[in-house]
Amino acid sequence: MALRTAVQLTGDDLTIDDVWAIAVDGPEAALSDLAREKIARARALVERAAHGTREHTYGINTGFGRFVSRSIP
């Protein structure tokens, strides 16, 4: 397999070959602009769930498992 100089992470098409190349061959991994936008939107959603409501959202503003009823400020 030829060495790759970079792996573009888009959030849609990562393959096991890409993961292997990054882990073993060490090419640079870079986020695409679209991936950065998706991350920003997801973070905004989590921020709203964590701080913008009194409702519990499992794993966001609650504990996990038996701590599900424990609020995390």
PDB file of N, CA and C in Angstrom:
ATOM      1  N   MET A   1       0.841  -1.171   0.000  1.00  0.00           N
ATOM      2  CA  MET A   1       0.000   0.000   0.000  1.00  0.00           C
ATOM      3  C   MET A   1       0.892   1.243   0.000  1.00  0.00           C
ATOM      4  N   ALA A   2       0.583   2.198  -0.867  1.00  0.00           N
ATOM      5  CA  ALA A   2       1.358   3.427  -0.952  1.00  0.00           C
ATOM      6  C   ALA A   2       1.078   4.303   0.265  1.00  0.00           C
ATOM      7  N   LEU A   3       2.117   4.972   0.726  1.00  0.00           N
ATOM      8  CA  LEU A   3       1.942   5.882   1.848  1.00  0.00           C
ATOM      9  C   LEU A   3       1.130   7.094   1.413  1.00  0.00           C
ATOM     10  N   ARG A   4       0.211   7.499   2.261  1.00  0.00           N
ATOM     11  CA  ARG A   4      -0.610   8.668   1.962  1.00  0.00           C
ATOM     12  C   ARG A   4      -0.099   9.843   2.767  1.00  0.00           C
ATOM     13  N   THR A   5      -0.232  11.020   2.208  1.00  0.00           N
ATOM     14  CA  THR A   5       0.265  12.200   2.904  1.00  0.00           C
ATOM     15  C   THR A   5      -0.782  12.820   3.816  1.00  0.00           C
ATOM     16  N   ALA A   6      -2.086  12.578   3.534  1.00  0.00           N
ATOM     17  CA  ALA A   6      -3.136  13.160   4.373  1.00  0.00           C
ATOM     18  C   ALA A   6      -4.422  12.366   4.224  1.00  0.00           C
ATOM     19  N   VAL A   7      -5.207  12.353   5.282  1.00  0.00           N
ATOM     20  CA  VAL A   7      -6.539  11.750   5.256  1.00  0.00           C
ATOM     21  C   VAL A   7      -7.519  12.858   5.612  1.00  0.00           C
ATOM     22  N   GLN A   8      -8.442  13.128   4.698  1.00  0.00           N
ATOM     23  CA  GLN A   8      -9.454  14.166   4.915  1.00  0.00           C
ATOM     24  C   GLN A   8     -10.633  13.550   5.654  1.00  0.00           C
ATOM     25  N   LEU A   9     -10.946  14.050   6.837  1.00  0.00           N
ATOM     26  CA  LEU A   9     -12.057  13.556   7.641  1.00  0.00           C
ATOM     27  C   LEU A   9     -13.286  14.413   7.364  1.00  0.00           C
ATOM     28  N   THR A  10     -14.309  13.788   6.771  1.00  0.00           N
ATOM     29  CA  THR A  10     -15.514  14.521   6.381  1.00  0.00           C
ATOM     30  C   THR A  10     -16.691  14.222   7.295  1.00  0.00           C
ATOM     31  N   GLY A  11     -16.611  13.106   8.019  1.00  0.00           N
ATOM     32  CA  GLY A  11     -17.735  12.683   8.845  1.00  0.00           C
ATOM     33  C   GLY A  11     -18.671  11.744   8.119  1.00  0.00           C
ATOM     34  N   ASP A  12     -18.360  11.433   6.860  1.00  0.00           N
ATOM     35  CA  ASP A  12     -19.261  10.602   6.061  1.00  0.00           C
ATOM     36  C   ASP A  12     -18.617   9.368   5.444  1.00  0.00           C
ATOM     37  N   ASP A  13     -17.314   9.358   5.285  1.00  0.00           N
ATOM     38  CA  ASP A  13     -16.743   8.303   4.450  1.00  0.00           C
ATOM     39  C   ASP A  13     -15.455   7.683   4.991  1.00  0.00           C
ATOM     40  N   LEU A  14     -15.257   7.717   6.295  1.00  0.00           N
ATOM     41  CA  LEU A  14     -14.066   7.123   6.895  1.00  0.00           C
ATOM     42  C   LEU A  14     -14.104   5.611   6.726  1.00  0.00           C
ATOM     43  N   THR A  15     -13.017   5.049   6.245  1.00  0.00           N
ATOM     44  CA  THR A  15     -12.937   3.602   6.049  1.00  0.00           C
ATOM     45  C   THR A  15     -11.942   3.002   7.039  1.00  0.00           C
ATOM     46  N   ILE A  16     -11.986   1.698   7.169  1.00  0.00           N
ATOM     47  CA  ILE A  16     -11.023   1.015   8.032  1.00  0.00           C
ATOM     48  C   ILE A  16      -9.609   1.206   7.486  1.00  0.00           C
ATOM     49  N   ASP A  17      -9.477   1.304   6.168  1.00  0.00           N
ATOM     50  CA  ASP A  17      -8.163   1.572   5.572  1.00  0.00           C
ATOM     51  C   ASP A  17      -7.638   2.943   5.996  1.00  0.00           C
ATOM     52  N   ASP A  18      -8.540   3.935   6.081  1.00  0.00           N
ATOM     53  CA  ASP A  18      -8.139   5.263   6.553  1.00  0.00           C
ATOM     54  C   ASP A  18      -7.653   5.192   7.994  1.00  0.00           C
ATOM     55  N   VAL A  19      -8.406   4.505   8.844  1.00  0.00           N
ATOM     56  CA  VAL A  19      -8.034   4.375  10.256  1.00  0.00           C
ATOM     57  C   VAL A  19      -6.682   3.686  10.375  1.00  0.00           C
ATOM     58  N   TRP A  20      -6.501   2.621   9.625  1.00  0.00           N
ATOM     59  CA  TRP A  20      -5.236   1.884   9.645  1.00  0.00           C
ATOM     60  C   TRP A  20      -4.086   2.778   9.187  1.00  0.00           C
ATOM     61  N   ALA A  21      -4.310   3.506   8.100  1.00  0.00           N
ATOM     62  CA  ALA A  21      -3.261   4.380   7.575  1.00  0.00           C
ATOM     63  C   ALA A  21      -2.845   5.420   8.609  1.00  0.00           C
ATOM     64  N   ILE A  22      -3.817   6.025   9.270  1.00  0.00           N
ATOM     65  CA  ILE A  22      -3.512   7.040  10.282  1.00  0.00           C
ATOM     66  C   ILE A  22      -2.770   6.411  11.457  1.00  0.00           C
ATOM     67  N   ALA A  23      -3.233   5.250  11.907  1.00  0.00           N
ATOM     68  CA  ALA A  23      -2.640   4.596  13.078  1.00  0.00           C
ATOM     69  C   ALA A  23      -1.247   4.049  12.805  1.00  0.00           C
ATOM     70  N   VAL A  24      -1.056   3.468  11.621  1.00  0.00           N
ATOM     71  CA  VAL A  24       0.190   2.758  11.348  1.00  0.00           C
ATOM     72  C   VAL A  24       1.170   3.586  10.524  1.00  0.00           C
ATOM     73  N   ASP A  25       0.671   4.198   9.462  1.00  0.00           N
ATOM     74  CA  ASP A  25       1.554   4.903   8.540  1.00  0.00           C
ATOM     75  C   ASP A  25       1.775   6.359   8.927  1.00  0.00           C
ATOM     76  N   GLY A  26       0.867   6.885   9.741  1.00  0.00           N
ATOM     77  CA  GLY A  26       1.040   8.215  10.284  1.00  0.00           C
ATOM     78  C   GLY A  26       0.803   9.403   9.376  1.00  0.00           C
ATOM     79  N   PRO A  27      -0.089   9.308   8.361  1.00  0.00           N
ATOM     80  CA  PRO A  27      -0.363  10.525   7.601  1.00  0.00           C
ATOM     81  C   PRO A  27      -1.159  11.508   8.457  1.00  0.00           C
ATOM     82  N   GLU A  28      -1.084  12.757   8.102  1.00  0.00           N
ATOM     83  CA  GLU A  28      -1.849  13.776   8.816  1.00  0.00           C
ATOM     84  C   GLU A  28      -3.332  13.566   8.570  1.00  0.00           C
ATOM     85  N   ALA A  29      -4.136  13.766   9.590  1.00  0.00           N
ATOM     86  CA  ALA A  29      -5.591  13.715   9.460  1.00  0.00           C
ATOM     87  C   ALA A  29      -6.108  15.139   9.625  1.00  0.00           C
ATOM     88  N   ALA A  30      -6.981  15.546   8.709  1.00  0.00           N
ATOM     89  CA  ALA A  30      -7.504  16.913   8.740  1.00  0.00           C
ATOM     90  C   ALA A  30      -9.016  16.896   8.624  1.00  0.00           C
ATOM     91  N   LEU A  31      -9.679  17.778   9.367  1.00  0.00           N
ATOM     92  CA  LEU A  31     -11.133  17.903   9.290  1.00  0.00           C
ATOM     93  C   LEU A  31     -11.509  18.784   8.107  1.00  0.00           C
ATOM     94  N   SER A  32     -12.498  18.344   7.354  1.00  0.00           N
ATOM     95  CA  SER A  32     -13.013  19.170   6.264  1.00  0.00           C
ATOM     96  C   SER A  32     -13.834  20.313   6.849  1.00  0.00           C
ATOM     97  N   ASP A  33     -14.085  21.331   6.034  1.00  0.00           N
ATOM     98  CA  ASP A  33     -14.918  22.446   6.493  1.00  0.00           C
ATOM     99  C   ASP A  33     -16.313  21.961   6.871  1.00  0.00           C
ATOM    100  N   LEU A  34     -16.869  21.038   6.070  1.00  0.00           N
ATOM    101  CA  LEU A  34     -18.199  20.503   6.361  1.00  0.00           C
ATOM    102  C   LEU A  34     -18.202  19.759   7.697  1.00  0.00           C
ATOM    103  N   ALA A  35     -17.149  18.981   7.972  1.00  0.00           N
ATOM    104  CA  ALA A  35     -17.058  18.263   9.245  1.00  0.00           C
ATOM    105  C   ALA A  35     -17.002  19.251  10.411  1.00  0.00           C
ATOM    106  N   ARG A  36     -16.261  20.330  10.243  1.00  0.00           N
ATOM    107  CA  ARG A  36     -16.182  21.350  11.299  1.00  0.00           C
ATOM    108  C   ARG A  36     -17.551  21.977  11.555  1.00  0.00           C
ATOM    109  N   GLU A  37     -18.309  22.230  10.483  1.00  0.00           N
ATOM    110  CA  GLU A  37     -19.662  22.776  10.631  1.00  0.00           C
ATOM    111  C   GLU A  37     -20.565  21.794  11.374  1.00  0.00           C
ATOM    112  N   LYS A  38     -20.467  20.500  11.033  1.00  0.00           N
ATOM    113  CA  LYS A  38     -21.277  19.479  11.704  1.00  0.00           C
ATOM    114  C   LYS A  38     -20.938  19.405  13.189  1.00  0.00           C
ATOM    115  N   ILE A  39     -19.655  19.494  13.504  1.00  0.00           N
ATOM    116  CA  ILE A  39     -19.215  19.456  14.898  1.00  0.00           C
ATOM    117  C   ILE A  39     -19.768  20.660  15.654  1.00  0.00           C
ATOM    118  N   ALA A  40     -19.714  21.826  15.042  1.00  0.00           N
ATOM    119  CA  ALA A  40     -20.229  23.040  15.688  1.00  0.00           C
ATOM    120  C   ALA A  40     -21.730  22.932  15.941  1.00  0.00           C
ATOM    121  N   ARG A  41     -22.483  22.396  14.965  1.00  0.00           N
ATOM    122  CA  ARG A  41     -23.932  22.235  15.155  1.00  0.00           C
ATOM    123  C   ARG A  41     -24.227  21.228  16.259  1.00  0.00           C
ATOM    124  N   ALA A  42     -23.464  20.130  16.292  1.00  0.00           N
ATOM    125  CA  ALA A  42     -23.668  19.113  17.330  1.00  0.00           C
ATOM    126  C   ALA A  42     -23.341  19.680  18.709  1.00  0.00           C
ATOM    127  N   ARG A  43     -22.275  20.460  18.782  1.00  0.00           N
ATOM    128  CA  ARG A  43     -21.921  21.060  20.070  1.00  0.00           C
ATOM    129  C   ARG A  43     -23.014  22.012  20.545  1.00  0.00           C
ATOM    130  N   ALA A  44     -23.560  22.814  19.628  1.00  0.00           N
ATOM    131  CA  ALA A  44     -24.634  23.743  19.993  1.00  0.00           C
ATOM    132  C   ALA A  44     -25.839  22.979  20.529  1.00  0.00           C
ATOM    133  N   LEU A  45     -26.153  21.849  19.911  1.00  0.00           N
ATOM    134  CA  LEU A  45     -27.266  21.020  20.366  1.00  0.00           C
ATOM    135  C   LEU A  45     -27.013  20.502  21.780  1.00  0.00           C
ATOM    136  N   VAL A  46     -25.803  20.022  22.024  1.00  0.00           N
ATOM    137  CA  VAL A  46     -25.449  19.517  23.354  1.00  0.00           C
ATOM    138  C   VAL A  46     -25.473  20.648  24.378  1.00  0.00           C
ATOM    139  N   GLU A  47     -24.954  21.812  24.013  1.00  0.00           N
ATOM    140  CA  GLU A  47     -24.971  22.960  24.929  1.00  0.00           C
ATOM    141  C   GLU A  47     -26.401  23.335  25.309  1.00  0.00           C
ATOM    142  N   ARG A  48     -27.305  23.355  24.326  1.00  0.00           N
ATOM    143  CA  ARG A  48     -28.703  23.672  24.624  1.00  0.00           C
ATOM    144  C   ARG A  48     -29.313  22.619  25.538  1.00  0.00           C
ATOM    145  N   ALA A  49     -29.009  21.348  25.272  1.00  0.00           N
ATOM    146  CA  ALA A  49     -29.551  20.267  26.102  1.00  0.00           C
ATOM    147  C   ALA A  49     -29.002  20.343  27.523  1.00  0.00           C
ATOM    148  N   ALA A  50     -27.742  20.709  27.647  1.00  0.00           N
ATOM    149  CA  ALA A  50     -27.106  20.727  28.963  1.00  0.00           C
ATOM    150  C   ALA A  50     -27.478  21.953  29.782  1.00  0.00           C
ATOM    151  N   HIS A  51     -27.651  23.082  29.125  1.00  0.00           N
ATOM    152  CA  HIS A  51     -27.804  24.327  29.877  1.00  0.00           C
ATOM    153  C   HIS A  51     -29.081  25.096  29.568  1.00  0.00           C
ATOM    154  N   GLY A  52     -29.779  24.724  28.519  1.00  0.00           N
ATOM    155  CA  GLY A  52     -30.905  25.531  28.100  1.00  0.00           C
ATOM    156  C   GLY A  52     -32.263  25.004  28.515  1.00  0.00           C
ATOM    157  N   THR A  53     -32.299  23.941  29.284  1.00  0.00           N
ATOM    158  CA  THR A  53     -33.575  23.347  29.652  1.00  0.00           C
ATOM    159  C   THR A  53     -33.466  22.693  31.017  1.00  0.00           C
ATOM    160  N   ARG A  54     -34.585  22.507  31.657  1.00  0.00           N
ATOM    161  CA  ARG A  54     -34.596  21.794  32.938  1.00  0.00           C
ATOM    162  C   ARG A  54     -34.828  20.296  32.728  1.00  0.00           C
ATOM    163  N   GLU A  55     -35.141  19.904  31.504  1.00  0.00           N
ATOM    164  CA  GLU A  55     -35.362  18.483  31.224  1.00  0.00           C
ATOM    165  C   GLU A  55     -34.047  17.727  31.312  1.00  0.00           C
ATOM    166  N   HIS A  56     -34.143  16.479  31.729  1.00  0.00           N
ATOM    167  CA  HIS A  56     -32.966  15.621  31.754  1.00  0.00           C
ATOM    168  C   HIS A  56     -32.732  15.037  30.372  1.00  0.00           C
ATOM    169  N   THR A  57     -31.493  15.085  29.942  1.00  0.00           N
ATOM    170  CA  THR A  57     -31.078  14.454  28.692  1.00  0.00           C
ATOM    171  C   THR A  57     -30.001  13.452  29.060  1.00  0.00           C
ATOM    172  N   TYR A  58     -30.310  12.174  28.914  1.00  0.00           N
ATOM    173  CA  TYR A  58     -29.428  11.103  29.378  1.00  0.00           C
ATOM    174  C   TYR A  58     -28.000  11.292  28.874  1.00  0.00           C
ATOM    175  N   GLY A  59     -27.060  11.305  29.798  1.00  0.00           N
ATOM    176  CA  GLY A  59     -25.652  11.384  29.463  1.00  0.00           C
ATOM    177  C   GLY A  59     -25.158  12.785  29.149  1.00  0.00           C
ATOM    178  N   ILE A  60     -26.074  13.735  28.998  1.00  0.00           N
ATOM    179  CA  ILE A  60     -25.672  15.117  28.742  1.00  0.00           C
ATOM    180  C   ILE A  60     -25.698  15.896  30.049  1.00  0.00           C
ATOM    181  N   ASN A  61     -26.833  15.917  30.697  1.00  0.00           N
ATOM    182  CA  ASN A  61     -26.926  16.610  31.987  1.00  0.00           C
ATOM    183  C   ASN A  61     -27.395  15.666  33.094  1.00  0.00           C
ATOM    184  N   THR A  62     -27.174  14.364  32.872  1.00  0.00           N
ATOM    185  CA  THR A  62     -27.416  13.351  33.902  1.00  0.00           C
ATOM    186  C   THR A  62     -26.207  12.438  33.966  1.00  0.00           C
ATOM    187  N   GLY A  63     -26.171  11.637  35.014  1.00  0.00           N
ATOM    188  CA  GLY A  63     -25.160  10.606  35.077  1.00  0.00           C
ATOM    189  C   GLY A  63     -25.535   9.455  34.157  1.00  0.00           C
ATOM    190  N   PHE A  64     -24.705   8.425  34.151  1.00  0.00           N
ATOM    191  CA  PHE A  64     -24.954   7.227  33.349  1.00  0.00           C
ATOM    192  C   PHE A  64     -25.385   6.085  34.260  1.00  0.00           C
ATOM    193  N   GLY A  65     -26.064   5.110  33.671  1.00  0.00           N
ATOM    194  CA  GLY A  65     -26.441   3.910  34.401  1.00  0.00           C
ATOM    195  C   GLY A  65     -27.261   4.222  35.637  1.00  0.00           C
ATOM    196  N   ARG A  66     -26.819   3.709  36.778  1.00  0.00           N
ATOM    197  CA  ARG A  66     -27.594   3.893  38.005  1.00  0.00           C
ATOM    198  C   ARG A  66     -27.613   5.341  38.474  1.00  0.00           C
ATOM    199  N   PHE A  67     -26.790   6.194  37.868  1.00  0.00           N
ATOM    200  CA  PHE A  67     -26.763   7.609  38.235  1.00  0.00           C
ATOM    201  C   PHE A  67     -27.612   8.463  37.300  1.00  0.00           C
ATOM    202  N   VAL A  68     -28.505   7.819  36.550  1.00  0.00           N
ATOM    203  CA  VAL A  68     -29.326   8.533  35.574  1.00  0.00           C
ATOM    204  C   VAL A  68     -30.177   9.623  36.208  1.00  0.00           C
ATOM    205  N   SER A  69     -30.577   9.445  37.440  1.00  0.00           N
ATOM    206  CA  SER A  69     -31.427  10.451  38.086  1.00  0.00           C
ATOM    207  C   SER A  69     -30.614  11.571  38.739  1.00  0.00           C
ATOM    208  N   ARG A  70     -29.309  11.477  38.683  1.00  0.00           N
ATOM    209  CA  ARG A  70     -28.455  12.514  39.266  1.00  0.00           C
ATOM    210  C   ARG A  70     -28.184  13.594  38.215  1.00  0.00           C
ATOM    211  N   SER A  71     -28.569  14.814  38.531  1.00  0.00           N
ATOM    212  CA  SER A  71     -28.334  15.937  37.615  1.00  0.00           C
ATOM    213  C   SER A  71     -26.885  16.377  37.680  1.00  0.00           C
ATOM    214  N   ILE A  72     -26.361  16.747  36.534  1.00  0.00           N
ATOM    215  CA  ILE A  72     -25.014  17.294  36.445  1.00  0.00           C
ATOM    216  C   ILE A  72     -25.158  18.744  36.003  1.00  0.00           C
ATOM    217  N   PRO A  73     -24.787  19.684  36.869  1.00  0.00           N
ATOM    218  CA  PRO A  73     -24.969  21.107  36.526  1.00  0.00           C
ATOM    219  C   PRO A  73     -24.056  21.546  35.387  1.00  0.00           C
TER     220      PRO A  73
END
